[in-house]
Amino acid sequence: MNGLFHNSGRFLGMLSSWAESSWIYFGIPMDFTASFQPGSRFAPARVREASYAIETYSVSLDRDLEELSICDVGDLELPFGNVTESLNRIKTAARQIVADQKGLLALGGEHLITLPIVEVLAEKYPELVIVHLDAHADLRDEYLGEKYSHATVMRRITEFIKPKNLYQFGIRSGTRDEIQLARSFGHFYPYAVRDPLKQVLSELRGRPVYVTIDSDVIDPAYMPGSGTPEPGGISSTEAFEAVHLFKGLQVVGADLVEVMPLHDLSQRSAVLAAKLVRDLLLAIA
């Protein structure tokens, strides 16, 4: 992996080397297609810093990051503004992690970073399920003339997975066409996350799952530092309760995207993101 990553510090409690780790954590500082507020490329570094405001131990899950084999390899080196080459580099990194039989958790960056990771995982797991927590459907075929955008990422992903394997939760914004398309796929659960997720857990068990969480699924009252804040979201408490439900599922990878720390001087968005990373890994690793 030499040349792909640069050292950006270490997330609290991620003490393992690449060789001894079962999970790889890395940042993807890319926000080239942001349609409202740029700045999510700074999230990986800021969330690492914020991780030192929390404990490695989760009271809810009774697990500790220091007891798990997780390696923080730093952030991907990306050519600023070059979307195509950046997606290729993300794919290269994901392919190496998957080839080494390791799980991965990526911190964006914008939501488009999910696409190359899913493309790689779908090669290994043809029946891959995507669990998508977001305020927005992200199912446009194009946005401002672009096929590859954070607003089109789920539409592009359905070109690599079976559309019926896309489960969407918390959606409260989209065009009429997007919402109709989401409903046609059969697993569309607007507004809420925790309760509908509970209802479908039996469908997800035993299947390879990729979890992608857009920070704006959480109401901006709790997560003001988000790329495209959308009022009417879930609470931070519901977000954690939902993340804890992934325990026991065959989660093969995950990401958290669209965190915008520089737009929240209180740093509570970065701390919330760090705690979500911690609890997500404690639930799935």
Protein backbone atom coordinates (compact mmCIF):
# COMPACT_ATOMS: atom_id res chain seq x y z
CA MET A 1 0.00 0.00 0.00
CA ASN A 2 3.05 2.24 -0.14
CA GLY A 3 2.31 5.46 -1.99
CA LEU A 4 -1.46 5.18 -1.63
CA PHE A 5 -1.76 6.63 1.87
CA HIS A 6 -0.15 9.36 3.91
CA ASN A 7 0.08 9.41 7.68
CA SER A 8 -2.65 11.57 9.20
CA GLY A 9 -2.31 10.51 12.81
CA ARG A 10 -4.12 7.60 14.39
CA PHE A 11 -7.70 7.18 15.50
CA LEU A 12 -7.92 6.51 19.22
CA GLY A 13 -7.49 2.85 20.12
CA MET A 14 -6.61 1.57 16.64
CA LEU A 15 -3.30 0.02 17.64
CA SER A 16 -2.76 -2.88 15.23
CA SER A 17 -0.42 -3.05 12.27
CA TRP A 18 -1.65 -3.91 8.78
CA ALA A 19 -0.38 -7.48 9.05
CA GLU A 20 -2.07 -8.25 12.36
CA SER A 21 -5.31 -6.38 11.74
CA SER A 22 -8.66 -7.83 10.69
CA TRP A 23 -10.11 -4.40 9.85
CA ILE A 24 -8.61 -1.41 8.04
CA TYR A 25 -9.71 2.16 8.76
CA PHE A 26 -8.76 4.93 6.33
CA GLY A 27 -9.74 8.42 5.28
CA ILE A 28 -10.78 9.55 1.81
CA PRO A 29 -10.36 13.36 1.66
CA MET A 30 -12.46 14.00 -1.47
CA ASP A 31 -15.29 16.51 -1.91
CA PHE A 32 -14.94 17.38 -5.58
CA THR A 33 -18.64 17.03 -6.53
CA ALA A 34 -20.11 18.77 -3.47
CA SER A 35 -23.24 20.63 -4.56
CA PHE A 36 -23.76 22.85 -1.50
CA GLN A 37 -20.86 23.13 0.94
CA PRO A 38 -17.34 21.85 0.25
CA GLY A 39 -15.09 20.87 3.13
CA SER A 40 -15.77 17.19 3.87
CA ARG A 41 -12.25 16.44 2.64
CA PHE A 42 -11.04 17.78 5.99
CA ALA A 43 -13.17 15.33 7.98
CA PRO A 44 -10.71 12.40 8.20
CA ALA A 45 -8.06 14.48 9.96
CA ARG A 46 -10.51 16.38 12.19
CA VAL A 47 -12.40 13.25 13.24
CA ARG A 48 -9.13 11.57 14.22
CA GLU A 49 -8.35 14.58 16.43
CA ALA A 50 -11.86 14.49 17.90
CA SER A 51 -11.56 10.79 18.71
CA TYR A 52 -9.34 11.73 21.65
CA ALA A 53 -12.38 13.37 23.28
CA ILE A 54 -14.09 9.98 23.67
CA GLU A 55 -13.28 6.67 25.34
CA THR A 56 -12.18 3.55 23.49
CA TYR A 57 -14.77 1.61 25.54
CA SER A 58 -18.49 1.61 24.73
CA VAL A 59 -20.83 1.22 27.69
CA SER A 60 -23.70 0.19 25.40
CA LEU A 61 -21.76 -2.54 23.58
CA ASP A 62 -19.37 -3.54 26.39
CA ARG A 63 -16.48 -3.64 23.93
CA ASP A 64 -13.25 -1.70 23.62
CA LEU A 65 -11.40 -0.62 20.46
CA GLU A 66 -8.08 -1.53 22.04
CA GLU A 67 -9.23 -5.17 22.24
CA LEU A 68 -9.85 -5.38 18.49
CA SER A 69 -7.42 -5.77 15.59
CA ILE A 70 -7.92 -2.51 13.69
CA CYS A 71 -5.31 -0.59 11.71
CA ASP A 72 -5.63 3.10 10.85
CA VAL A 73 -3.53 3.42 7.70
CA GLY A 74 -4.06 7.15 7.23
CA ASP A 75 -5.64 9.00 4.31
CA LEU A 76 -5.55 8.22 0.62
CA GLU A 77 -3.37 10.46 -1.52
CA LEU A 78 -5.75 11.92 -4.11
CA PRO A 79 -5.13 14.32 -7.01
CA PHE A 80 -7.22 17.34 -6.08
CA GLY A 81 -10.12 17.89 -8.48
CA ASN A 82 -9.52 14.77 -10.58
CA VAL A 83 -12.65 12.70 -9.96
CA THR A 84 -11.82 9.82 -12.33
CA GLU A 85 -8.30 9.22 -11.00
CA SER A 86 -9.47 9.61 -7.41
CA LEU A 87 -12.15 6.96 -7.89
CA ASN A 88 -9.53 4.67 -9.43
CA ARG A 89 -7.23 5.12 -6.43
CA ILE A 90 -10.05 4.38 -4.01
CA LYS A 91 -10.80 1.23 -5.99
CA THR A 92 -7.15 0.18 -5.90
CA ALA A 93 -6.99 0.60 -2.13
CA ALA A 94 -10.28 -1.24 -1.57
CA ARG A 95 -9.18 -4.09 -3.83
CA GLN A 96 -5.96 -4.58 -1.82
CA ILE A 97 -7.84 -4.59 1.48
CA VAL A 98 -10.39 -7.10 0.19
CA ALA A 99 -7.64 -9.27 -1.33
CA ASP A 100 -5.98 -9.43 2.10
CA GLN A 101 -9.25 -10.73 3.59
CA LYS A 102 -9.80 -7.68 5.77
CA GLY A 103 -12.90 -5.64 6.49
CA LEU A 104 -12.79 -1.93 5.75
CA LEU A 105 -14.27 1.25 7.16
CA ALA A 106 -13.74 4.46 5.22
CA LEU A 107 -14.31 8.01 6.40
CA GLY A 108 -15.18 10.51 3.69
CA GLY A 109 -15.20 12.83 2.05
CA GLU A 110 -18.29 13.09 -0.05
CA HIS A 111 -20.71 10.26 -0.70
CA LEU A 112 -19.32 9.45 -4.15
CA ILE A 113 -16.42 7.67 -2.40
CA THR A 114 -18.81 4.78 -1.68
CA LEU A 115 -19.12 3.85 -5.36
CA PRO A 116 -15.64 2.36 -6.07
CA ILE A 117 -15.63 0.52 -2.73
CA VAL A 118 -18.98 -1.12 -3.49
CA GLU A 119 -17.82 -1.95 -7.01
CA VAL A 120 -14.89 -3.92 -5.56
CA LEU A 121 -16.98 -5.66 -2.89
CA ALA A 122 -19.67 -6.57 -5.42
CA GLU A 123 -17.03 -8.48 -7.40
CA LYS A 124 -16.42 -10.68 -4.37
CA TYR A 125 -20.02 -10.76 -3.11
CA PRO A 126 -22.49 -10.90 -6.04
CA GLU A 127 -25.40 -10.78 -3.57
CA LEU A 128 -24.02 -7.78 -1.69
CA VAL A 129 -26.65 -5.80 0.25
CA ILE A 130 -26.31 -2.04 0.71
CA VAL A 131 -27.78 -0.52 3.86
CA HIS A 132 -27.98 3.20 3.16
CA LEU A 133 -28.71 5.75 5.94
CA ASP A 134 -29.19 9.23 4.51
CA ALA A 135 -31.42 12.28 4.28
CA HIS A 136 -31.26 12.13 0.48
CA ALA A 137 -32.11 9.33 -1.94
CA ASP A 138 -29.01 9.96 -4.13
CA LEU A 139 -30.77 8.18 -7.02
CA ARG A 140 -30.56 10.84 -9.72
CA ASP A 141 -29.27 9.54 -13.03
CA GLU A 142 -27.25 12.74 -13.41
CA TYR A 143 -26.81 15.98 -11.52
CA LEU A 144 -25.93 19.20 -13.34
CA GLY A 145 -24.99 17.07 -16.32
CA GLU A 146 -22.67 14.78 -14.34
CA LYS A 147 -23.18 11.02 -14.01
CA TYR A 148 -20.68 10.75 -11.15
CA SER A 149 -21.78 12.89 -8.22
CA HIS A 150 -22.66 12.57 -4.57
CA ALA A 151 -26.26 13.07 -5.76
CA THR A 152 -26.10 10.07 -8.15
CA VAL A 153 -24.05 7.62 -6.11
CA MET A 154 -26.85 5.18 -5.23
CA ARG A 155 -28.08 5.17 -8.82
CA ARG A 156 -24.58 4.21 -10.00
CA ILE A 157 -24.33 1.57 -7.26
CA THR A 158 -27.48 -0.15 -8.56
CA GLU A 159 -25.48 -0.81 -11.72
CA PHE A 160 -23.18 -3.09 -9.67
CA ILE A 161 -25.68 -4.67 -7.28
CA LYS A 162 -29.22 -5.93 -7.69
CA PRO A 163 -31.54 -2.94 -7.04
CA LYS A 164 -33.64 -5.12 -4.73
CA ASN A 165 -30.55 -5.39 -2.50
CA LEU A 166 -30.58 -1.65 -1.75
CA TYR A 167 -32.14 -0.85 1.65
CA GLN A 168 -32.64 2.88 2.27
CA PHE A 169 -33.47 4.42 5.65
CA GLY A 170 -34.10 7.94 6.91
CA ILE A 171 -34.65 9.47 3.46
CA ARG A 172 -36.61 12.73 3.61
CA SER A 173 -35.48 14.54 0.47
CA GLY A 174 -35.38 13.78 -3.26
CA THR A 175 -37.09 14.40 -6.57
CA ARG A 176 -40.40 12.70 -7.32
CA ASP A 177 -38.62 10.42 -9.80
CA GLU A 178 -36.02 9.41 -7.20
CA ILE A 179 -38.62 8.55 -4.58
CA GLN A 180 -40.70 6.56 -7.06
CA LEU A 181 -37.59 4.66 -8.12
CA ALA A 182 -36.63 3.98 -4.51
CA ARG A 183 -40.11 2.63 -3.77
CA SER A 184 -39.95 0.41 -6.86
CA PHE A 185 -36.81 -1.29 -5.51
CA GLY A 186 -38.89 -2.48 -2.57
CA HIS A 187 -36.85 -1.46 0.49
CA PHE A 188 -37.50 2.23 1.06
CA TYR A 189 -38.04 3.42 4.65
CA PRO A 190 -38.35 7.23 4.81
CA TYR A 191 -37.79 9.42 7.87
CA ALA A 192 -37.05 6.72 10.46
CA VAL A 193 -34.04 4.42 10.80
CA ARG A 194 -34.00 2.36 14.00
CA ASP A 195 -37.51 0.85 13.95
CA PRO A 196 -37.67 -0.13 10.26
CA LEU A 197 -34.12 -1.48 10.49
CA LYS A 198 -35.23 -3.72 13.36
CA GLN A 199 -38.04 -5.04 11.19
CA VAL A 200 -35.73 -6.16 8.36
CA LEU A 201 -32.85 -7.59 10.39
CA SER A 202 -34.08 -11.13 9.78
CA GLU A 203 -33.86 -10.48 6.02
CA LEU A 204 -30.27 -9.25 6.34
CA ARG A 205 -28.83 -11.99 8.53
CA GLY A 206 -26.46 -14.34 6.74
CA ARG A 207 -26.01 -11.99 3.78
CA PRO A 208 -22.94 -9.85 2.99
CA VAL A 209 -23.79 -6.27 3.96
CA TYR A 210 -22.16 -2.93 3.25
CA VAL A 211 -23.25 -0.03 5.48
CA THR A 212 -23.03 3.54 4.22
CA ILE A 213 -23.99 6.40 6.54
CA ASP A 214 -24.38 9.96 5.34
CA SER A 215 -24.04 12.28 8.34
CA ASP A 216 -27.09 14.26 7.24
CA VAL A 217 -29.38 11.37 8.18
CA ILE A 218 -28.95 12.94 11.62
CA ASP A 219 -30.84 16.18 12.24
CA PRO A 220 -28.63 19.28 11.91
CA ALA A 221 -29.52 20.16 15.50
CA TYR A 222 -27.21 17.27 16.47
CA MET A 223 -24.95 17.24 13.39
CA PRO A 224 -24.63 20.86 12.19
CA GLY A 225 -21.39 20.06 10.38
CA SER A 226 -22.83 18.21 7.40
CA GLY A 227 -22.42 18.76 3.68
CA THR A 228 -26.11 19.14 2.84
CA PRO A 229 -28.03 19.55 6.13
CA GLU A 230 -31.71 18.59 5.95
CA PRO A 231 -34.06 19.46 8.85
CA GLY A 232 -36.30 16.74 10.24
CA GLY A 233 -33.69 14.04 10.76
CA ILE A 234 -33.12 11.43 13.43
CA SER A 235 -31.54 12.18 16.80
CA SER A 236 -28.00 11.20 17.68
CA THR A 237 -29.48 8.69 20.13
CA GLU A 238 -31.43 6.96 17.35
CA ALA A 239 -28.31 6.94 15.18
CA PHE A 240 -26.36 5.04 17.84
CA GLU A 241 -29.24 2.64 18.50
CA ALA A 242 -29.41 1.92 14.77
CA VAL A 243 -25.64 1.37 14.49
CA HIS A 244 -25.76 -1.10 17.39
CA LEU A 245 -28.29 -3.19 15.44
CA PHE A 246 -25.57 -4.16 12.95
CA LYS A 247 -24.04 -6.40 15.60
CA GLY A 248 -24.44 -10.00 14.44
CA LEU A 249 -24.78 -9.17 10.74
CA GLN A 250 -22.16 -10.15 8.16
CA VAL A 251 -20.93 -6.61 7.55
CA VAL A 252 -18.01 -6.71 5.11
CA GLY A 253 -17.44 -2.98 4.89
CA ALA A 254 -18.78 0.43 5.84
CA ASP A 255 -18.31 4.15 5.49
CA LEU A 256 -19.31 7.43 7.10
CA VAL A 257 -19.47 10.39 4.73
CA GLU A 258 -20.32 14.08 4.31
CA VAL A 259 -19.09 15.19 7.74
CA MET A 260 -18.13 18.88 7.61
CA PRO A 261 -16.15 19.72 10.76
CA LEU A 262 -15.05 23.19 9.65
CA HIS A 263 -18.69 24.32 9.56
CA ASP A 264 -19.15 23.52 13.25
CA LEU A 265 -16.86 25.50 15.54
CA SER A 266 -18.24 23.69 18.59
CA GLN A 267 -16.60 20.46 17.27
CA ARG A 268 -19.65 18.45 18.34
CA SER A 269 -20.10 17.17 14.78
CA ALA A 270 -16.55 15.80 14.68
CA VAL A 271 -16.95 14.22 18.13
CA LEU A 272 -20.29 12.68 17.12
CA ALA A 273 -18.68 11.31 13.95
CA ALA A 274 -15.79 9.85 15.95
CA LYS A 275 -18.18 8.13 18.35
CA LEU A 276 -20.20 6.76 15.42
CA VAL A 277 -17.00 5.33 13.93
CA ARG A 278 -16.12 3.77 17.28
CA ASP A 279 -19.53 2.20 17.85
CA LEU A 280 -19.90 1.05 14.26
CA LEU A 281 -16.58 -0.79 14.43
CA LEU A 282 -17.37 -2.22 17.88
CA ALA A 283 -20.65 -3.54 16.47
CA ILE A 284 -19.30 -5.11 13.28
CA ALA A 285 -15.60 -5.89 13.76
